[in-house]
Amino acid sequence: KDLKEQNMQGLVIDLRSNSGGLLNNAINIL
């Protein structure tokens, strides 16, 4: 939401060294 308010034109999602976690949060992000 904050990035959209700043007129974001593209997005980089950094998942490096992310070992995972709760599946429902990953689905909610998707």
Full PDB file with SEQRES, HELIX, SHEET, SSBOND, CRYST1, ORIGX, SCALE, CONECT and MASTER records, all heavy atoms in Angstrom:
SEQRES   1 A   30  LYS ASP LEU LYS GLU GLN ASN MET GLN GLY LEU VAL ILE          
SEQRES   2 A   30  ASP LEU ARG SER ASN SER GLY GLY LEU LEU ASN ASN ALA          
SEQRES   3 A   30  ILE ASN ILE LEU                                              
HELIX    1 AA1 ASP A    2  GLU A    5  1                                   4    
HELIX    2 AA2 LEU A   23  ILE A   29  1                                   7    
CRYST1    1.000    1.000    1.000  90.00  90.00  90.00 P 1           1          
ORIGX1      1.000000  0.000000  0.000000        0.00000                         
ORIGX2      0.000000  1.000000  0.000000        0.00000                         
ORIGX3      0.000000  0.000000  1.000000        0.00000                         
SCALE1      1.000000  0.000000  0.000000        0.00000                         
SCALE2      0.000000  1.000000  0.000000        0.00000                         
SCALE3      0.000000  0.000000  1.000000        0.00000                         
ATOM      1  N   LYS A   1       0.835  -1.201   0.000  1.00  0.00           N  
ATOM      2  CA  LYS A   1       0.000   0.000   0.000  1.00  0.00           C  
ATOM      3  C   LYS A   1       0.872   1.255   0.000  1.00  0.00           C  
ATOM      4  O   LYS A   1       0.626   2.205  -0.757  1.00  0.00           O  
ATOM      5  CB  LYS A   1      -0.924  -0.020   1.212  1.00  0.00           C  
ATOM      6  CG  LYS A   1      -1.868   1.144   1.270  1.00  0.00           C  
ATOM      7  CD  LYS A   1      -2.760   1.060   2.490  1.00  0.00           C  
ATOM      8  CE  LYS A   1      -3.659   2.279   2.541  1.00  0.00           C  
ATOM      9  NZ  LYS A   1      -4.195   2.520   3.853  1.00  0.00           N  
ATOM     10  N   ASP A   2       1.907   1.253   0.840  1.00  0.00           N  
ATOM     11  CA  ASP A   2       2.814   2.397   0.916  1.00  0.00           C  
ATOM     12  C   ASP A   2       3.544   2.609  -0.411  1.00  0.00           C  
ATOM     13  O   ASP A   2       3.674   3.747  -0.882  1.00  0.00           O  
ATOM     14  CB  ASP A   2       3.806   2.179   2.060  1.00  0.00           C  
ATOM     15  CG  ASP A   2       4.688   3.381   2.314  1.00  0.00           C  
ATOM     16  OD1 ASP A   2       4.206   4.523   2.180  1.00  0.00           O  
ATOM     17  OD2 ASP A   2       5.877   3.188   2.658  1.00  0.00           O  
ATOM     18  N   LEU A   3       3.993   1.527  -1.039  1.00  0.00           N  
ATOM     19  CA  LEU A   3       4.705   1.638  -2.310  1.00  0.00           C  
ATOM     20  C   LEU A   3       3.793   2.159  -3.410  1.00  0.00           C  
ATOM     21  O   LEU A   3       4.209   2.948  -4.256  1.00  0.00           O  
ATOM     22  CB  LEU A   3       5.302   0.288  -2.703  1.00  0.00           C  
ATOM     23  CG  LEU A   3       6.376  -0.287  -1.771  1.00  0.00           C  
ATOM     24  CD1 LEU A   3       6.837  -1.642  -2.259  1.00  0.00           C  
ATOM     25  CD2 LEU A   3       7.539   0.668  -1.616  1.00  0.00           C  
ATOM     26  N   LYS A   4       2.531   1.717  -3.420  1.00  0.00           N  
ATOM     27  CA  LYS A   4       1.573   2.214  -4.408  1.00  0.00           C  
ATOM     28  C   LYS A   4       1.351   3.708  -4.248  1.00  0.00           C  
ATOM     29  O   LYS A   4       1.248   4.436  -5.235  1.00  0.00           O  
ATOM     30  CB  LYS A   4       0.242   1.467  -4.277  1.00  0.00           C  
ATOM     31  CG  LYS A   4       0.247   0.095  -4.912  1.00  0.00           C  
ATOM     32  CD  LYS A   4      -1.019  -0.675  -4.661  1.00  0.00           C  
ATOM     33  CE  LYS A   4      -2.279   0.065  -5.009  1.00  0.00           C  
ATOM     34  NZ  LYS A   4      -3.500  -0.728  -4.779  1.00  0.00           N  
ATOM     35  N   GLU A   5       1.275   4.178  -3.003  1.00  0.00           N  
ATOM     36  CA  GLU A   5       1.100   5.608  -2.740  1.00  0.00           C  
ATOM     37  C   GLU A   5       2.302   6.420  -3.205  1.00  0.00           C  
ATOM     38  O   GLU A   5       2.180   7.612  -3.469  1.00  0.00           O  
ATOM     39  CB  GLU A   5       0.842   5.841  -1.255  1.00  0.00           C  
ATOM     40  CG  GLU A   5      -0.515   5.357  -0.807  1.00  0.00           C  
ATOM     41  CD  GLU A   5      -0.698   5.386   0.707  1.00  0.00           C  
ATOM     42  OE1 GLU A   5       0.264   5.755   1.432  1.00  0.00           O  
ATOM     43  OE2 GLU A   5      -1.799   5.005   1.162  1.00  0.00           O  
ATOM     44  N   GLN A   6       3.471   5.761  -3.311  1.00  0.00           N  
ATOM     45  CA  GLN A   6       4.685   6.424  -3.797  1.00  0.00           C  
ATOM     46  C   GLN A   6       4.858   6.246  -5.304  1.00  0.00           C  
ATOM     47  O   GLN A   6       5.938   6.460  -5.833  1.00  0.00           O  
ATOM     48  CB  GLN A   6       5.905   5.874  -3.055  1.00  0.00           C  
ATOM     49  CG  GLN A   6       5.906   6.165  -1.577  1.00  0.00           C  
ATOM     50  CD  GLN A   6       7.142   5.611  -0.900  1.00  0.00           C  
ATOM     51  OE1 GLN A   6       8.258   5.856  -1.352  1.00  0.00           O  
ATOM     52  NE2 GLN A   6       6.953   4.860   0.167  1.00  0.00           N  
ATOM     53  N   ASN A   7       3.780   5.827  -5.985  1.00  0.00           N  
ATOM     54  CA  ASN A   7       3.759   5.686  -7.448  1.00  0.00           C  
ATOM     55  C   ASN A   7       4.742   4.636  -7.965  1.00  0.00           C  
ATOM     56  O   ASN A   7       5.487   4.866  -8.916  1.00  0.00           O  
ATOM     57  CB  ASN A   7       4.011   7.044  -8.117  1.00  0.00           C  
ATOM     58  CG  ASN A   7       3.502   7.046  -9.544  1.00  0.00           C  
ATOM     59  OD1 ASN A   7       2.620   6.257  -9.900  1.00  0.00           O  
ATOM     60  ND2 ASN A   7       4.052   7.926 -10.364  1.00  0.00           N  
ATOM     61  N   MET A   8       4.730   3.466  -7.332  1.00  0.00           N  
ATOM     62  CA  MET A   8       5.580   2.355  -7.731  1.00  0.00           C  
ATOM     63  C   MET A   8       5.238   1.912  -9.163  1.00  0.00           C  
ATOM     64  O   MET A   8       4.082   1.750  -9.511  1.00  0.00           O  
ATOM     65  CB  MET A   8       5.376   1.188  -6.768  1.00  0.00           C  
ATOM     66  CG  MET A   8       6.071  -0.082  -7.174  1.00  0.00           C  
ATOM     67  SD  MET A   8       5.700  -1.455  -6.077  1.00  0.00           S  
ATOM     68  CE  MET A   8       3.976  -1.733  -6.406  1.00  0.00           C  
ATOM     69  N   GLN A   9       6.287   1.705  -9.983  1.00  0.00           N  
ATOM     70  CA  GLN A   9       6.114   1.267 -11.372  1.00  0.00           C  
ATOM     71  C   GLN A   9       6.518  -0.190 -11.591  1.00  0.00           C  
ATOM     72  O   GLN A   9       6.158  -0.795 -12.590  1.00  0.00           O  
ATOM     73  CB  GLN A   9       6.937   2.164 -12.313  1.00  0.00           C  
ATOM     74  CG  GLN A   9       6.570   3.629 -12.212  1.00  0.00           C  
ATOM     75  CD  GLN A   9       5.116   3.877 -12.580  1.00  0.00           C  
ATOM     76  OE1 GLN A   9       4.641   3.432 -13.610  1.00  0.00           O  
ATOM     77  NE2 GLN A   9       4.394   4.566 -11.701  1.00  0.00           N  
ATOM     78  N   GLY A  10       7.280  -0.748 -10.680  1.00  0.00           N  
ATOM     79  CA  GLY A  10       7.738  -2.130 -10.732  1.00  0.00           C  
ATOM     80  C   GLY A  10       8.058  -2.581  -9.319  1.00  0.00           C  
ATOM     81  O   GLY A  10       8.198  -1.749  -8.418  1.00  0.00           O  
ATOM     82  N   LEU A  11       8.163  -3.890  -9.104  1.00  0.00           N  
ATOM     83  CA  LEU A  11       8.366  -4.411  -7.757  1.00  0.00           C  
ATOM     84  C   LEU A  11       9.440  -5.491  -7.733  1.00  0.00           C  
ATOM     85  O   LEU A  11       9.453  -6.383  -8.582  1.00  0.00           O  
ATOM     86  CB  LEU A  11       7.041  -4.992  -7.220  1.00  0.00           C  
ATOM     87  CG  LEU A  11       7.061  -5.647  -5.844  1.00  0.00           C  
ATOM     88  CD1 LEU A  11       7.442  -4.642  -4.765  1.00  0.00           C  
ATOM     89  CD2 LEU A  11       5.704  -6.266  -5.542  1.00  0.00           C  
ATOM     90  N   VAL A  12      10.322  -5.404  -6.735  1.00  0.00           N  
ATOM     91  CA  VAL A  12      11.307  -6.440  -6.455  1.00  0.00           C  
ATOM     92  C   VAL A  12      10.970  -7.009  -5.076  1.00  0.00           C  
ATOM     93  O   VAL A  12      10.869  -6.260  -4.104  1.00  0.00           O  
ATOM     94  CB  VAL A  12      12.752  -5.881  -6.460  1.00  0.00           C  
ATOM     95  CG1 VAL A  12      13.746  -6.959  -6.031  1.00  0.00           C  
ATOM     96  CG2 VAL A  12      13.104  -5.324  -7.827  1.00  0.00           C  
ATOM     97  N   ILE A  13      10.765  -8.330  -5.014  1.00  0.00           N  
ATOM     98  CA  ILE A  13      10.509  -9.016  -3.748  1.00  0.00           C  
ATOM     99  C   ILE A  13      11.759  -9.820  -3.414  1.00  0.00           C  
ATOM    100  O   ILE A  13      12.157 -10.699  -4.182  1.00  0.00           O  
ATOM    101  CB  ILE A  13       9.280  -9.935  -3.840  1.00  0.00           C  
ATOM    102  CG1 ILE A  13       8.041  -9.143  -4.246  1.00  0.00           C  
ATOM    103  CG2 ILE A  13       9.052 -10.663  -2.511  1.00  0.00           C  
ATOM    104  CD1 ILE A  13       6.838  -9.999  -4.568  1.00  0.00           C  
ATOM    105  N   ASP A  14      12.376  -9.515  -2.293  1.00  0.00           N  
ATOM    106  CA  ASP A  14      13.630 -10.156  -1.898  1.00  0.00           C  
ATOM    107  C   ASP A  14      13.351 -11.300  -0.927  1.00  0.00           C  
ATOM    108  O   ASP A  14      12.981 -11.072   0.221  1.00  0.00           O  
ATOM    109  CB  ASP A  14      14.553  -9.118  -1.258  1.00  0.00           C  
ATOM    110  CG  ASP A  14      15.962  -9.633  -1.043  1.00  0.00           C  
ATOM    111  OD1 ASP A  14      16.187 -10.863  -1.161  1.00  0.00           O  
ATOM    112  OD2 ASP A  14      16.847  -8.807  -0.742  1.00  0.00           O  
ATOM    113  N   LEU A  15      13.521 -12.544  -1.404  1.00  0.00           N  
ATOM    114  CA  LEU A  15      13.325 -13.740  -0.585  1.00  0.00           C  
ATOM    115  C   LEU A  15      14.646 -14.468  -0.325  1.00  0.00           C  
ATOM    116  O   LEU A  15      14.644 -15.639   0.052  1.00  0.00           O  
ATOM    117  CB  LEU A  15      12.333 -14.690  -1.273  1.00  0.00           C  
ATOM    118  CG  LEU A  15      10.930 -14.146  -1.510  1.00  0.00           C  
ATOM    119  CD1 LEU A  15      10.094 -15.148  -2.295  1.00  0.00           C  
ATOM    120  CD2 LEU A  15      10.262 -13.803  -0.200  1.00  0.00           C  
ATOM    121  N   ARG A  16      15.756 -13.779  -0.522  1.00  0.00           N  
ATOM    122  CA  ARG A  16      17.053 -14.429  -0.308  1.00  0.00           C  
ATOM    123  C   ARG A  16      17.210 -14.808   1.157  1.00  0.00           C  
ATOM    124  O   ARG A  16      16.888 -14.040   2.052  1.00  0.00           O  
ATOM    125  CB  ARG A  16      18.197 -13.510  -0.746  1.00  0.00           C  
ATOM    126  CG  ARG A  16      18.238 -13.315  -2.262  1.00  0.00           C  
ATOM    127  CD  ARG A  16      19.267 -12.324  -2.668  1.00  0.00           C  
ATOM    128  NE  ARG A  16      18.913 -11.007  -2.116  1.00  0.00           N  
ATOM    129  CZ  ARG A  16      19.664  -9.929  -2.279  1.00  0.00           C  
ATOM    130  NH1 ARG A  16      20.794  -9.979  -2.949  1.00  0.00           N  
ATOM    131  NH2 ARG A  16      19.270  -8.780  -1.761  1.00  0.00           N  
ATOM    132  N   SER A  17      17.693 -16.026   1.393  1.00  0.00           N  
ATOM    133  CA  SER A  17      17.919 -16.588   2.738  1.00  0.00           C  
ATOM    134  C   SER A  17      16.645 -16.641   3.575  1.00  0.00           C  
ATOM    135  O   SER A  17      16.708 -16.658   4.793  1.00  0.00           O  
ATOM    136  CB  SER A  17      19.022 -15.814   3.475  1.00  0.00           C  
ATOM    137  OG  SER A  17      20.230 -15.908   2.749  1.00  0.00           O  
ATOM    138  N   ASN A  18      15.501 -16.698   2.932  1.00  0.00           N  
ATOM    139  CA  ASN A  18      14.214 -16.856   3.613  1.00  0.00           C  
ATOM    140  C   ASN A  18      13.944 -18.359   3.687  1.00  0.00           C  
ATOM    141  O   ASN A  18      13.713 -19.001   2.671  1.00  0.00           O  
ATOM    142  CB  ASN A  18      13.120 -16.137   2.835  1.00  0.00           C  
ATOM    143  CG  ASN A  18      11.757 -16.243   3.486  1.00  0.00           C  
ATOM    144  OD1 ASN A  18      11.411 -17.269   4.062  1.00  0.00           O  
ATOM    145  ND2 ASN A  18      10.972 -15.195   3.362  1.00  0.00           N  
ATOM    146  N   SER A  19      13.952 -18.904   4.894  1.00  0.00           N  
ATOM    147  CA  SER A  19      13.814 -20.353   5.063  1.00  0.00           C  
ATOM    148  C   SER A  19      12.368 -20.829   5.053  1.00  0.00           C  
ATOM    149  O   SER A  19      12.101 -22.011   5.238  1.00  0.00           O  
ATOM    150  CB  SER A  19      14.489 -20.787   6.365  1.00  0.00           C  
ATOM    151  OG  SER A  19      13.865 -20.148   7.462  1.00  0.00           O  
ATOM    152  N   GLY A  20      11.413 -19.919   4.837  1.00  0.00           N  
ATOM    153  CA  GLY A  20      10.012 -20.329   4.740  1.00  0.00           C  
ATOM    154  C   GLY A  20       9.229 -19.950   5.970  1.00  0.00           C  
ATOM    155  O   GLY A  20       9.433 -18.895   6.556  1.00  0.00           O  
ATOM    156  N   GLY A  21       8.305 -20.810   6.343  1.00  0.00           N  
ATOM    157  CA  GLY A  21       7.453 -20.532   7.487  1.00  0.00           C  
ATOM    158  C   GLY A  21       6.026 -20.957   7.230  1.00  0.00           C  
ATOM    159  O   GLY A  21       5.786 -22.026   6.666  1.00  0.00           O  
ATOM    160  N   LEU A  22       5.087 -20.095   7.604  1.00  0.00           N  
ATOM    161  CA  LEU A  22       3.664 -20.430   7.526  1.00  0.00           C  
ATOM    162  C   LEU A  22       3.130 -20.326   6.102  1.00  0.00           C  
ATOM    163  O   LEU A  22       3.182 -19.259   5.482  1.00  0.00           O  
ATOM    164  CB  LEU A  22       2.866 -19.495   8.449  1.00  0.00           C  
ATOM    165  CG  LEU A  22       3.255 -19.537   9.925  1.00  0.00           C  
ATOM    166  CD1 LEU A  22       2.489 -18.472  10.696  1.00  0.00           C  
ATOM    167  CD2 LEU A  22       3.007 -20.917  10.501  1.00  0.00           C  
ATOM    168  N   LEU A  23       2.590 -21.432   5.614  1.00  0.00           N  
ATOM    169  CA  LEU A  23       2.091 -21.489   4.245  1.00  0.00           C  
ATOM    170  C   LEU A  23       0.964 -20.483   4.012  1.00  0.00           C  
ATOM    171  O   LEU A  23       0.918 -19.841   2.961  1.00  0.00           O  
ATOM    172  CB  LEU A  23       1.594 -22.905   3.915  1.00  0.00           C  
ATOM    173  CG  LEU A  23       0.921 -23.051   2.546  1.00  0.00           C  
ATOM    174  CD1 LEU A  23       1.920 -22.816   1.430  1.00  0.00           C  
ATOM    175  CD2 LEU A  23       0.267 -24.408   2.415  1.00  0.00           C  
ATOM    176  N   ASN A  24       0.052 -20.326   4.971  1.00  0.00           N  
ATOM    177  CA  ASN A  24      -1.086 -19.436   4.741  1.00  0.00           C  
ATOM    178  C   ASN A  24      -0.640 -17.998   4.507  1.00  0.00           C  
ATOM    179  O   ASN A  24      -1.293 -17.259   3.771  1.00  0.00           O  
ATOM    180  CB  ASN A  24      -2.107 -19.529   5.875  1.00  0.00           C  
ATOM    181  CG  ASN A  24      -1.574 -19.070   7.204  1.00  0.00           C  
ATOM    182  OD1 ASN A  24      -0.369 -19.109   7.452  1.00  0.00           O  
ATOM    183  ND2 ASN A  24      -2.460 -18.631   8.073  1.00  0.00           N  
ATOM    184  N   ASN A  25       0.474 -17.575   5.074  1.00  0.00           N  
ATOM    185  CA  ASN A  25       0.986 -16.235   4.813  1.00  0.00           C  
ATOM    186  C   ASN A  25       1.545 -16.122   3.400  1.00  0.00           C  
ATOM    187  O   ASN A  25       1.380 -15.088   2.751  1.00  0.00           O  
ATOM    188  CB  ASN A  25       2.029 -15.840   5.852  1.00  0.00           C  
ATOM    189  CG  ASN A  25       1.393 -15.250   7.074  1.00  0.00           C  
ATOM    190  OD1 ASN A  25       1.221 -14.043   7.151  1.00  0.00           O  
ATOM    191  ND2 ASN A  25       0.985 -16.086   8.007  1.00  0.00           N  
ATOM    192  N   ALA A  26       2.187 -17.170   2.919  1.00  0.00           N  
ATOM    193  CA  ALA A  26       2.669 -17.172   1.536  1.00  0.00           C  
ATOM    194  C   ALA A  26       1.487 -17.099   0.569  1.00  0.00           C  
ATOM    195  O   ALA A  26       1.521 -16.341  -0.406  1.00  0.00           O  
ATOM    196  CB  ALA A  26       3.498 -18.430   1.271  1.00  0.00           C  
ATOM    197  N   ILE A  27       0.422 -17.848   0.841  1.00  0.00           N  
ATOM    198  CA  ILE A  27      -0.770 -17.829  -0.017  1.00  0.00           C  
ATOM    199  C   ILE A  27      -1.432 -16.453   0.027  1.00  0.00           C  
ATOM    200  O   ILE A  27      -1.863 -15.918  -0.999  1.00  0.00           O  
ATOM    201  CB  ILE A  27      -1.765 -18.938   0.398  1.00  0.00           C  
ATOM    202  CG1 ILE A  27      -1.140 -20.325   0.185  1.00  0.00           C  
ATOM    203  CG2 ILE A  27      -3.079 -18.815  -0.355  1.00  0.00           C  
ATOM    204  CD1 ILE A  27      -0.743 -20.651  -1.241  1.00  0.00           C  
ATOM    205  N   ASN A  28      -1.501 -15.837   1.212  1.00  0.00           N  
ATOM    206  CA  ASN A  28      -2.087 -14.503   1.334  1.00  0.00           C  
ATOM    207  C   ASN A  28      -1.294 -13.458   0.549  1.00  0.00           C  
ATOM    208  O   ASN A  28      -1.870 -12.534  -0.023  1.00  0.00           O  
ATOM    209  CB  ASN A  28      -2.206 -14.089   2.800  1.00  0.00           C  
ATOM    210  CG  ASN A  28      -3.288 -14.855   3.522  1.00  0.00           C  
ATOM    211  OD1 ASN A  28      -4.204 -15.396   2.906  1.00  0.00           O  
ATOM    212  ND2 ASN A  28      -3.185 -14.933   4.838  1.00  0.00           N  
ATOM    213  N   ILE A  29       0.019 -13.602   0.503  1.00  0.00           N  
ATOM    214  CA  ILE A  29       0.847 -12.699  -0.299  1.00  0.00           C  
ATOM    215  C   ILE A  29       0.584 -12.937  -1.781  1.00  0.00           C  
ATOM    216  O   ILE A  29       0.430 -11.991  -2.556  1.00  0.00           O  
ATOM    217  CB  ILE A  29       2.335 -12.863   0.067  1.00  0.00           C  
ATOM    218  CG1 ILE A  29       2.590 -12.223   1.433  1.00  0.00           C  
ATOM    219  CG2 ILE A  29       3.246 -12.269  -1.000  1.00  0.00           C  
ATOM    220  CD1 ILE A  29       3.952 -12.480   2.015  1.00  0.00           C  
ATOM    221  N   LEU A  30       0.500 -14.194  -2.191  1.00  0.00           N  
ATOM    222  CA  LEU A  30       0.199 -14.508  -3.596  1.00  0.00           C  
ATOM    223  C   LEU A  30      -1.168 -13.969  -3.993  1.00  0.00           C  
ATOM    224  O   LEU A  30      -1.370 -13.530  -5.134  1.00  0.00           O  
ATOM    225  CB  LEU A  30       0.280 -16.017  -3.824  1.00  0.00           C  
ATOM    226  CG  LEU A  30       1.690 -16.597  -3.814  1.00  0.00           C  
ATOM    227  CD1 LEU A  30       1.647 -18.116  -3.763  1.00  0.00           C  
ATOM    228  CD2 LEU A  30       2.477 -16.118  -5.021  1.00  0.00           C  
TER     229      LEU A  30                                                      
MASTER        0    0    0    2    0    0    0    6  228    1    0    3          
END                                                                             
